[in-house]
């Protein structure tokens, strides 16, 4: 039988990790740490509680006939890799060719937040953003480029502090665009 994991279970898990690394979770400086970590995780992983479809469900009817590419670049995001739970920090660039649905630019930034506030791999996040826009807006074409620094590489392992990863997903009429 699968028991639902409670907030208290999470607090105890953080205390266990503190003990495992050789710390005393009852010392003054660490007494509030389990709660702070759990509250941080609630924020870091809030994307699991949001439906991307709801974000893109309101469009501007007065510009429904707009036929040119819409671009929003340098959308900053923070995520965590699913392999090490280490930060991934970067930017997303989105372009889409509307087909009767144009959304406010804040909706695109919120969409990035929904997918980045989950355990991720960059390739999947890039595809999720592109497919959500393509499907929910019924766009003629979509292009998404993500550039990010992965702390699982820059602060541990190979310690390659200058590398950034770039992924891209192009769909529909933008699939043939060469970037």
N, C-alpha and C. Protein backbone atom coordinates (compact mmCIF):
# COMPACT_ATOMS: atom_id res chain seq x y z
N UNK A 1 0.85 -1.18 0.00
CA UNK A 1 0.00 0.00 0.00
C UNK A 1 0.89 1.24 0.00
N UNK A 2 0.63 2.20 -0.93
CA UNK A 2 1.41 3.42 -1.02
C UNK A 2 0.87 4.47 -0.06
N UNK A 3 1.68 4.81 0.92
CA UNK A 3 1.31 5.83 1.89
C UNK A 3 1.71 7.19 1.34
N UNK A 4 0.82 8.18 1.44
CA UNK A 4 1.14 9.53 0.99
C UNK A 4 2.25 10.10 1.87
N UNK A 5 3.26 10.64 1.23
CA UNK A 5 4.38 11.25 1.95
C UNK A 5 3.92 12.60 2.47
N UNK A 6 4.12 12.82 3.76
CA UNK A 6 3.68 14.06 4.39
C UNK A 6 4.82 15.06 4.50
N UNK A 7 4.47 16.28 4.85
CA UNK A 7 5.47 17.32 5.08
C UNK A 7 6.39 16.90 6.23
N UNK A 8 5.81 16.26 7.24
CA UNK A 8 6.61 15.78 8.36
C UNK A 8 7.62 14.73 7.92
N UNK A 9 7.21 13.85 6.99
CA UNK A 9 8.15 12.86 6.44
C UNK A 9 9.32 13.56 5.77
N UNK A 10 9.03 14.63 5.03
CA UNK A 10 10.08 15.39 4.35
C UNK A 10 11.01 16.05 5.37
N UNK A 11 10.45 16.61 6.43
CA UNK A 11 11.26 17.23 7.48
C UNK A 11 12.21 16.20 8.10
N UNK A 12 11.69 15.03 8.38
CA UNK A 12 12.52 13.97 8.97
C UNK A 12 13.62 13.53 8.00
N UNK A 13 13.30 13.50 6.71
CA UNK A 13 14.30 13.12 5.71
C UNK A 13 15.46 14.12 5.70
N UNK A 14 15.15 15.40 5.81
CA UNK A 14 16.21 16.42 5.83
C UNK A 14 17.06 16.26 7.09
N UNK A 15 16.42 15.99 8.21
CA UNK A 15 17.18 15.75 9.45
C UNK A 15 18.11 14.55 9.29
N UNK A 16 17.61 13.51 8.63
CA UNK A 16 18.44 12.32 8.39
C UNK A 16 19.64 12.67 7.52
N UNK A 17 19.44 13.46 6.48
CA UNK A 17 20.56 13.87 5.62
C UNK A 17 21.57 14.68 6.43
N UNK A 18 21.09 15.58 7.28
CA UNK A 18 22.01 16.36 8.11
C UNK A 18 22.86 15.44 9.00
N UNK A 19 22.23 14.44 9.58
CA UNK A 19 22.97 13.47 10.40
C UNK A 19 23.96 12.69 9.53
N UNK A 20 23.54 12.29 8.35
CA UNK A 20 24.37 11.50 7.44
C UNK A 20 25.65 12.23 7.06
N UNK A 21 25.57 13.56 6.88
CA UNK A 21 26.78 14.32 6.52
C UNK A 21 27.62 14.68 7.73
N UNK A 22 27.17 14.27 8.92
CA UNK A 22 27.96 14.50 10.12
C UNK A 22 27.54 15.71 10.94
N UNK A 23 26.38 16.25 10.66
CA UNK A 23 25.89 17.41 11.39
C UNK A 23 24.90 17.01 12.48
N UNK A 24 24.66 17.93 13.37
CA UNK A 24 23.69 17.75 14.45
C UNK A 24 22.48 18.63 14.15
N UNK A 25 21.37 18.05 13.71
CA UNK A 25 20.21 18.86 13.35
C UNK A 25 19.57 19.60 14.53
N UNK A 26 20.03 19.30 15.75
CA UNK A 26 19.48 20.00 16.91
C UNK A 26 20.32 21.20 17.33
N UNK A 27 21.47 21.41 16.67
CA UNK A 27 22.27 22.58 17.06
C UNK A 27 21.57 23.85 16.58
N UNK A 28 21.85 24.95 17.25
CA UNK A 28 21.12 26.20 17.04
C UNK A 28 21.02 26.63 15.57
N UNK A 29 22.12 26.60 14.86
CA UNK A 29 22.12 27.06 13.48
C UNK A 29 21.37 26.17 12.51
N UNK A 30 21.07 24.94 12.92
CA UNK A 30 20.39 23.99 12.02
C UNK A 30 18.97 23.64 12.44
N UNK A 31 18.53 24.15 13.57
CA UNK A 31 17.21 23.75 14.08
C UNK A 31 16.07 24.06 13.10
N UNK A 32 16.16 25.17 12.40
CA UNK A 32 15.11 25.55 11.44
C UNK A 32 15.41 25.10 10.01
N UNK A 33 16.58 24.51 9.81
CA UNK A 33 17.00 24.13 8.46
C UNK A 33 16.04 23.14 7.79
N UNK A 34 15.60 22.08 8.45
CA UNK A 34 14.67 21.17 7.77
C UNK A 34 13.42 21.88 7.24
N UNK A 35 12.84 22.78 8.04
CA UNK A 35 11.64 23.50 7.59
C UNK A 35 11.99 24.44 6.43
N UNK A 36 13.12 25.11 6.52
CA UNK A 36 13.53 26.01 5.43
C UNK A 36 13.75 25.24 4.13
N UNK A 37 14.37 24.08 4.23
CA UNK A 37 14.63 23.27 3.03
C UNK A 37 13.31 22.79 2.43
N UNK A 38 12.42 22.29 3.26
CA UNK A 38 11.13 21.80 2.76
C UNK A 38 10.33 22.94 2.12
N UNK A 39 10.32 24.10 2.75
CA UNK A 39 9.62 25.24 2.16
C UNK A 39 10.27 25.68 0.85
N UNK A 40 11.59 25.62 0.79
CA UNK A 40 12.29 25.94 -0.46
C UNK A 40 11.92 24.94 -1.54
N UNK A 41 11.88 23.66 -1.19
CA UNK A 41 11.52 22.64 -2.17
C UNK A 41 10.09 22.83 -2.67
N UNK A 42 9.19 23.27 -1.80
CA UNK A 42 7.82 23.53 -2.24
C UNK A 42 7.81 24.60 -3.34
N UNK A 43 8.68 25.58 -3.20
CA UNK A 43 8.79 26.63 -4.22
C UNK A 43 9.55 26.13 -5.44
N UNK A 44 10.69 25.48 -5.23
CA UNK A 44 11.50 24.99 -6.35
C UNK A 44 10.73 24.05 -7.26
N UNK A 45 9.85 23.25 -6.69
CA UNK A 45 9.16 22.22 -7.44
C UNK A 45 7.66 22.50 -7.58
N UNK A 46 7.29 23.76 -7.54
CA UNK A 46 5.88 24.16 -7.63
C UNK A 46 5.27 23.88 -9.00
N UNK A 47 6.07 23.61 -10.00
CA UNK A 47 5.56 23.33 -11.33
C UNK A 47 4.71 22.07 -11.41
N UNK A 48 4.91 21.16 -10.48
CA UNK A 48 4.10 19.94 -10.48
C UNK A 48 2.63 20.23 -10.16
N UNK A 49 2.38 21.36 -9.51
CA UNK A 49 1.01 21.71 -9.10
C UNK A 49 0.32 22.61 -10.11
N UNK A 50 0.96 22.87 -11.24
CA UNK A 50 0.40 23.78 -12.23
C UNK A 50 0.18 23.05 -13.56
N UNK A 51 -0.90 23.40 -14.22
CA UNK A 51 -1.23 22.80 -15.51
C UNK A 51 -0.86 23.79 -16.61
N UNK A 52 0.07 23.44 -17.49
CA UNK A 52 0.48 24.36 -18.54
C UNK A 52 -0.67 24.79 -19.46
N UNK A 53 -1.68 23.93 -19.61
CA UNK A 53 -2.82 24.26 -20.46
C UNK A 53 -3.57 25.48 -19.93
N UNK A 54 -3.66 25.59 -18.61
CA UNK A 54 -4.37 26.71 -18.00
C UNK A 54 -3.67 28.03 -18.26
N UNK A 55 -2.36 28.00 -18.38
CA UNK A 55 -1.60 29.23 -18.60
C UNK A 55 -1.85 29.79 -20.00
N UNK A 56 -2.00 28.91 -20.97
CA UNK A 56 -2.13 29.35 -22.36
C UNK A 56 -3.58 29.44 -22.83
N UNK A 57 -4.54 29.40 -21.90
CA UNK A 57 -5.94 29.33 -22.32
C UNK A 57 -6.58 30.69 -22.61
N UNK A 58 -5.87 31.79 -22.39
CA UNK A 58 -6.41 33.12 -22.67
C UNK A 58 -5.57 33.78 -23.75
N UNK A 59 -6.22 34.13 -24.85
CA UNK A 59 -5.51 34.80 -25.94
C UNK A 59 -6.21 36.11 -26.27
N UNK A 60 -5.52 36.94 -27.05
CA UNK A 60 -6.05 38.26 -27.41
C UNK A 60 -6.83 38.16 -28.72
N UNK A 61 -8.14 38.28 -28.66
CA UNK A 61 -8.96 38.16 -29.86
C UNK A 61 -8.76 39.34 -30.81
N UNK A 62 -8.42 40.52 -30.28
CA UNK A 62 -8.26 41.69 -31.14
C UNK A 62 -7.04 41.61 -32.07
N UNK A 63 -6.12 40.69 -31.79
CA UNK A 63 -4.98 40.50 -32.69
C UNK A 63 -4.92 39.06 -33.20
N UNK A 64 -6.08 38.43 -33.28
CA UNK A 64 -6.14 37.03 -33.73
C UNK A 64 -5.67 36.86 -35.16
N UNK A 65 -5.68 37.94 -35.94
CA UNK A 65 -5.25 37.83 -37.34
C UNK A 65 -3.76 38.16 -37.52
N UNK A 66 -3.02 38.29 -36.43
CA UNK A 66 -1.58 38.57 -36.52
C UNK A 66 -0.88 37.37 -37.15
N UNK A 67 -0.10 37.63 -38.19
CA UNK A 67 0.46 36.53 -38.99
C UNK A 67 1.98 36.43 -38.93
N UNK A 68 2.64 37.26 -38.16
CA UNK A 68 4.10 37.26 -38.11
C UNK A 68 4.60 36.50 -36.88
N UNK A 69 5.87 36.21 -36.88
CA UNK A 69 6.48 35.47 -35.77
C UNK A 69 6.52 36.34 -34.51
N UNK A 70 6.16 35.76 -33.39
CA UNK A 70 6.26 36.40 -32.08
C UNK A 70 7.48 35.80 -31.39
N UNK A 71 8.36 36.66 -30.87
CA UNK A 71 9.59 36.19 -30.23
C UNK A 71 9.70 36.81 -28.84
N UNK A 72 10.00 35.98 -27.86
CA UNK A 72 10.34 36.44 -26.52
C UNK A 72 11.65 35.77 -26.16
N UNK A 73 12.69 36.59 -25.91
CA UNK A 73 14.00 35.99 -25.63
C UNK A 73 14.46 36.30 -24.21
N UNK A 74 15.46 35.55 -23.82
CA UNK A 74 16.13 35.74 -22.53
C UNK A 74 15.19 35.60 -21.33
N UNK A 75 14.33 34.61 -21.38
CA UNK A 75 13.47 34.29 -20.24
C UNK A 75 14.32 33.50 -19.26
N UNK A 76 14.69 34.12 -18.16
CA UNK A 76 15.56 33.46 -17.18
C UNK A 76 14.78 32.37 -16.45
N UNK A 77 15.45 31.26 -16.19
CA UNK A 77 14.82 30.19 -15.42
C UNK A 77 15.84 29.54 -14.50
N UNK A 78 15.32 28.89 -13.50
CA UNK A 78 16.10 28.06 -12.58
C UNK A 78 15.36 26.74 -12.43
N UNK A 79 16.09 25.66 -12.57
CA UNK A 79 15.50 24.34 -12.43
C UNK A 79 16.49 23.47 -11.67
N UNK A 80 16.18 22.19 -11.57
CA UNK A 80 17.06 21.23 -10.92
C UNK A 80 17.13 19.97 -11.76
N UNK A 81 18.35 19.48 -11.98
CA UNK A 81 18.49 18.27 -12.78
C UNK A 81 17.96 17.08 -11.97
N UNK A 82 17.35 16.18 -12.69
CA UNK A 82 16.76 15.02 -12.02
C UNK A 82 17.80 13.99 -11.60
N UNK A 83 19.01 14.11 -12.10
CA UNK A 83 20.05 13.13 -11.78
C UNK A 83 20.76 13.44 -10.47
N UNK A 84 21.04 14.72 -10.20
CA UNK A 84 21.79 15.10 -9.00
C UNK A 84 21.03 16.08 -8.11
N UNK A 85 19.87 16.54 -8.58
CA UNK A 85 19.11 17.60 -7.92
C UNK A 85 19.97 18.84 -7.75
N UNK A 86 20.84 19.08 -8.72
CA UNK A 86 21.69 20.27 -8.74
C UNK A 86 21.03 21.32 -9.63
N UNK A 87 21.28 22.60 -9.35
CA UNK A 87 20.65 23.66 -10.14
C UNK A 87 21.03 23.64 -11.62
N UNK A 88 20.07 24.02 -12.42
CA UNK A 88 20.25 24.33 -13.84
C UNK A 88 19.76 25.77 -13.97
N UNK A 89 20.62 26.66 -14.43
CA UNK A 89 20.26 28.07 -14.53
C UNK A 89 20.54 28.54 -15.95
N UNK A 90 19.55 29.17 -16.55
CA UNK A 90 19.76 29.61 -17.92
C UNK A 90 18.67 30.51 -18.44
N UNK A 91 18.59 30.55 -19.78
CA UNK A 91 17.59 31.37 -20.45
C UNK A 91 16.90 30.54 -21.54
N UNK A 92 15.66 30.93 -21.79
CA UNK A 92 14.86 30.31 -22.84
C UNK A 92 14.49 31.40 -23.85
N UNK A 93 14.58 31.05 -25.12
CA UNK A 93 14.13 31.93 -26.20
C UNK A 93 12.99 31.21 -26.91
N UNK A 94 11.87 31.90 -27.07
CA UNK A 94 10.69 31.30 -27.69
C UNK A 94 10.27 32.12 -28.90
N UNK A 95 9.98 31.43 -29.99
CA UNK A 95 9.38 32.05 -31.17
C UNK A 95 8.20 31.19 -31.60
N UNK A 96 7.10 31.84 -31.96
CA UNK A 96 5.99 31.06 -32.51
C UNK A 96 5.27 31.85 -33.60
N UNK A 97 4.76 31.12 -34.53
CA UNK A 97 3.99 31.67 -35.65
C UNK A 97 2.52 31.40 -35.34
N UNK A 98 1.78 32.46 -34.95
CA UNK A 98 0.41 32.25 -34.49
C UNK A 98 -0.53 31.75 -35.59
N UNK A 99 -1.57 31.11 -35.12
CA UNK A 99 -2.66 30.67 -35.99
C UNK A 99 -3.96 31.02 -35.27
N UNK A 100 -4.26 32.30 -35.18
CA UNK A 100 -5.47 32.85 -34.55
C UNK A 100 -5.37 33.00 -33.03
N UNK A 101 -4.33 32.50 -32.40
CA UNK A 101 -4.20 32.66 -30.95
C UNK A 101 -2.86 33.31 -30.62
N UNK A 102 -2.93 34.51 -30.02
CA UNK A 102 -1.73 35.21 -29.56
C UNK A 102 -1.91 35.45 -28.07
N UNK A 103 -0.94 35.03 -27.28
CA UNK A 103 -1.03 35.20 -25.82
C UNK A 103 -0.10 36.33 -25.38
N UNK A 104 -0.37 36.85 -24.19
CA UNK A 104 0.51 37.86 -23.61
C UNK A 104 1.88 37.25 -23.32
N UNK A 105 2.90 38.09 -23.37
CA UNK A 105 4.25 37.56 -23.19
C UNK A 105 4.47 36.99 -21.79
N UNK A 106 3.73 37.49 -20.81
CA UNK A 106 3.90 36.93 -19.46
C UNK A 106 3.46 35.47 -19.43
N UNK A 107 2.54 35.10 -20.31
CA UNK A 107 2.09 33.69 -20.36
C UNK A 107 3.23 32.78 -20.80
N UNK A 108 4.05 33.26 -21.72
CA UNK A 108 5.19 32.46 -22.17
C UNK A 108 6.20 32.30 -21.04
N UNK A 109 6.44 33.38 -20.30
CA UNK A 109 7.36 33.30 -19.16
C UNK A 109 6.81 32.36 -18.09
N UNK A 110 5.51 32.42 -17.86
CA UNK A 110 4.89 31.52 -16.87
C UNK A 110 4.97 30.07 -17.31
N UNK A 111 4.82 29.84 -18.61
CA UNK A 111 4.94 28.48 -19.12
C UNK A 111 6.33 27.92 -18.86
N UNK A 112 7.34 28.74 -19.09
CA UNK A 112 8.72 28.32 -18.80
C UNK A 112 8.84 27.98 -17.32
N UNK A 113 8.25 28.80 -16.47
CA UNK A 113 8.32 28.55 -15.03
C UNK A 113 7.67 27.23 -14.64
N UNK A 114 6.51 26.92 -15.23
CA UNK A 114 5.82 25.67 -14.90
C UNK A 114 6.72 24.47 -15.17
N UNK A 115 7.37 24.46 -16.33
CA UNK A 115 8.20 23.31 -16.67
C UNK A 115 9.55 23.33 -15.97
N UNK A 116 10.07 24.51 -15.67
CA UNK A 116 11.38 24.57 -15.00
C UNK A 116 11.27 24.29 -13.51
N UNK A 117 10.11 24.50 -12.93
CA UNK A 117 9.93 24.25 -11.50
C UNK A 117 9.56 22.79 -11.25
N UNK A 118 10.33 21.92 -11.88
CA UNK A 118 10.19 20.46 -11.74
C UNK A 118 11.59 19.88 -11.86
N UNK A 119 11.78 18.66 -11.42
CA UNK A 119 13.04 17.98 -11.73
C UNK A 119 13.07 17.81 -13.24
N UNK A 120 14.19 18.15 -13.85
CA UNK A 120 14.22 18.20 -15.30
C UNK A 120 15.52 17.69 -15.89
N UNK A 121 15.44 17.40 -17.17
CA UNK A 121 16.62 17.37 -18.02
C UNK A 121 16.32 18.41 -19.10
N UNK A 122 17.33 19.09 -19.55
CA UNK A 122 17.13 20.23 -20.43
C UNK A 122 16.44 19.85 -21.73
N UNK A 123 16.80 18.70 -22.28
CA UNK A 123 16.21 18.27 -23.54
C UNK A 123 14.69 18.12 -23.42
N UNK A 124 14.25 17.50 -22.33
CA UNK A 124 12.81 17.30 -22.12
C UNK A 124 12.09 18.63 -21.91
N UNK A 125 12.68 19.51 -21.09
CA UNK A 125 12.05 20.80 -20.82
C UNK A 125 11.89 21.60 -22.12
N UNK A 126 12.90 21.58 -22.96
CA UNK A 126 12.84 22.28 -24.24
C UNK A 126 11.67 21.76 -25.07
N UNK A 127 11.55 20.45 -25.18
CA UNK A 127 10.46 19.83 -25.95
C UNK A 127 9.10 20.11 -25.31
N UNK A 128 9.01 20.07 -23.99
CA UNK A 128 7.74 20.31 -23.31
C UNK A 128 7.22 21.72 -23.60
N UNK A 129 8.11 22.70 -23.52
CA UNK A 129 7.72 24.08 -23.80
C UNK A 129 7.23 24.21 -25.24
N UNK A 130 8.00 23.68 -26.17
CA UNK A 130 7.64 23.78 -27.59
C UNK A 130 6.31 23.10 -27.88
N UNK A 131 6.12 21.89 -27.37
CA UNK A 131 4.89 21.15 -27.65
C UNK A 131 3.68 21.80 -26.99
N UNK A 132 3.85 22.37 -25.80
CA UNK A 132 2.72 23.05 -25.14
C UNK A 132 2.25 24.23 -25.98
N UNK A 133 3.17 25.04 -26.47
CA UNK A 133 2.80 26.19 -27.30
C UNK A 133 2.18 25.72 -28.61
N UNK A 134 2.82 24.76 -29.24
CA UNK A 134 2.33 24.25 -30.53
C UNK A 134 0.92 23.69 -30.41
N UNK A 135 0.69 22.89 -29.38
CA UNK A 135 -0.61 22.22 -29.22
C UNK A 135 -1.69 23.14 -28.65
N UNK A 136 -1.38 23.87 -27.59
CA UNK A 136 -2.40 24.68 -26.92
C UNK A 136 -2.77 25.92 -27.72
N UNK A 137 -1.82 26.53 -28.40
CA UNK A 137 -2.12 27.71 -29.21
C UNK A 137 -2.44 27.34 -30.65
N UNK A 138 -2.31 26.05 -30.96
CA UNK A 138 -2.50 25.58 -32.34
C UNK A 138 -1.66 26.43 -33.30
N UNK A 139 -0.43 26.70 -32.87
CA UNK A 139 0.48 27.55 -33.64
C UNK A 139 0.87 26.87 -34.95
N UNK A 140 1.15 27.70 -35.94
CA UNK A 140 1.62 27.16 -37.22
C UNK A 140 3.05 26.64 -37.08
N UNK A 141 3.79 27.26 -36.19
CA UNK A 141 5.17 26.85 -35.96
C UNK A 141 5.67 27.35 -34.63
N UNK A 142 6.64 26.65 -34.07
CA UNK A 142 7.23 27.01 -32.78
C UNK A 142 8.72 26.72 -32.83
N UNK A 143 9.49 27.61 -32.21
CA UNK A 143 10.91 27.37 -32.01
C UNK A 143 11.27 27.71 -30.57
N UNK A 144 11.95 26.81 -29.90
CA UNK A 144 12.40 27.04 -28.52
C UNK A 144 13.87 26.69 -28.45
N UNK A 145 14.65 27.63 -27.91
CA UNK A 145 16.07 27.40 -27.67
C UNK A 145 16.32 27.63 -26.19
N UNK A 146 17.03 26.70 -25.56
CA UNK A 146 17.37 26.82 -24.14
C UNK A 146 18.88 26.74 -24.01
N UNK A 147 19.45 27.70 -23.29
CA UNK A 147 20.88 27.71 -22.99
C UNK A 147 21.02 27.76 -21.48
N UNK A 148 21.80 26.83 -20.91
CA UNK A 148 21.86 26.77 -19.46
C UNK A 148 23.18 26.22 -18.95
N UNK A 149 23.48 26.64 -17.74
CA UNK A 149 24.63 26.12 -16.99
C UNK A 149 24.10 25.05 -16.04
N UNK A 150 24.76 23.92 -16.05
CA UNK A 150 24.35 22.79 -15.21
C UNK A 150 25.33 22.66 -14.05
N UNK A 151 24.85 22.91 -12.85
CA UNK A 151 25.72 22.85 -11.69
C UNK A 151 26.21 21.45 -11.37
N UNK A 152 25.56 20.43 -11.93
CA UNK A 152 26.07 19.08 -11.76
C UNK A 152 27.39 18.91 -12.50
N UNK A 153 27.69 19.82 -13.42
CA UNK A 153 28.97 19.82 -14.14
C UNK A 153 29.91 20.92 -13.66
N UNK A 154 29.35 22.03 -13.20
CA UNK A 154 30.19 23.18 -12.87
C UNK A 154 30.64 23.21 -11.41
N UNK A 155 29.91 22.55 -10.52
CA UNK A 155 30.26 22.60 -9.09
C UNK A 155 30.61 21.23 -8.52
N UNK A 156 30.63 20.23 -9.37
CA UNK A 156 30.99 18.88 -8.93
C UNK A 156 31.46 18.10 -10.16
N UNK A 157 31.80 16.86 -9.97
CA UNK A 157 32.18 16.00 -11.10
C UNK A 157 33.37 16.55 -11.86
N UNK A 158 33.16 16.97 -13.11
CA UNK A 158 34.26 17.45 -13.95
C UNK A 158 34.64 18.90 -13.67
N UNK A 159 33.86 19.61 -12.88
CA UNK A 159 34.13 21.01 -12.53
C UNK A 159 34.43 21.87 -13.75
N UNK A 160 33.66 21.69 -14.79
CA UNK A 160 33.84 22.49 -16.00
C UNK A 160 33.01 23.76 -15.85
N UNK A 161 33.64 24.81 -15.35
CA UNK A 161 32.91 26.01 -14.93
C UNK A 161 32.47 26.93 -16.06
N UNK A 162 32.93 26.70 -17.27
CA UNK A 162 32.56 27.62 -18.35
C UNK A 162 31.60 27.02 -19.37
N UNK A 163 31.19 25.79 -19.19
CA UNK A 163 30.35 25.16 -20.21
C UNK A 163 28.87 25.51 -20.02
N UNK A 164 28.20 25.62 -21.16
CA UNK A 164 26.75 25.81 -21.19
C UNK A 164 26.20 24.83 -22.20
N UNK A 165 25.02 24.35 -21.92
CA UNK A 165 24.36 23.42 -22.82
C UNK A 165 23.30 24.18 -23.61
N UNK A 166 23.17 23.84 -24.87
CA UNK A 166 22.14 24.45 -25.72
C UNK A 166 21.29 23.34 -26.32
N UNK A 167 19.98 23.49 -26.19
CA UNK A 167 19.03 22.56 -26.80
C UNK A 167 18.02 23.37 -27.58
N UNK A 168 17.43 22.74 -28.56
CA UNK A 168 16.42 23.44 -29.35
C UNK A 168 15.36 22.47 -29.84
N UNK A 169 14.16 23.01 -30.03
CA UNK A 169 13.05 22.24 -30.58
C UNK A 169 12.29 23.15 -31.53
N UNK A 170 12.16 22.71 -32.77
CA UNK A 170 11.42 23.45 -33.79
C UNK A 170 10.31 22.57 -34.32
N UNK A 171 9.10 23.12 -34.38
CA UNK A 171 7.93 22.36 -34.80
C UNK A 171 7.17 23.12 -35.89
N UNK A 172 6.43 22.38 -36.68
CA UNK A 172 5.58 22.98 -37.71
C UNK A 172 6.38 23.75 -38.74
N UNK A 173 5.87 24.93 -39.11
CA UNK A 173 6.50 25.73 -40.16
C UNK A 173 7.87 26.27 -39.75
N UNK A 174 8.18 26.29 -38.48
CA UNK A 174 9.50 26.75 -38.04
C UNK A 174 10.50 25.61 -37.97
N UNK A 175 10.08 24.41 -38.27
CA UNK A 175 10.98 23.25 -38.21
C UNK A 175 12.13 23.38 -39.20
N UNK A 176 11.92 24.08 -40.29
CA UNK A 176 12.95 24.20 -41.32
C UNK A 176 13.89 25.38 -41.09
N UNK A 177 13.66 26.15 -40.04
CA UNK A 177 14.51 27.31 -39.76
C UNK A 177 15.87 26.82 -39.29
N UNK A 178 16.91 27.39 -39.83
CA UNK A 178 18.28 27.02 -39.43
C UNK A 178 18.83 28.10 -38.51
N UNK A 179 19.12 27.73 -37.28
CA UNK A 179 19.62 28.69 -36.29
C UNK A 179 21.10 28.45 -36.04
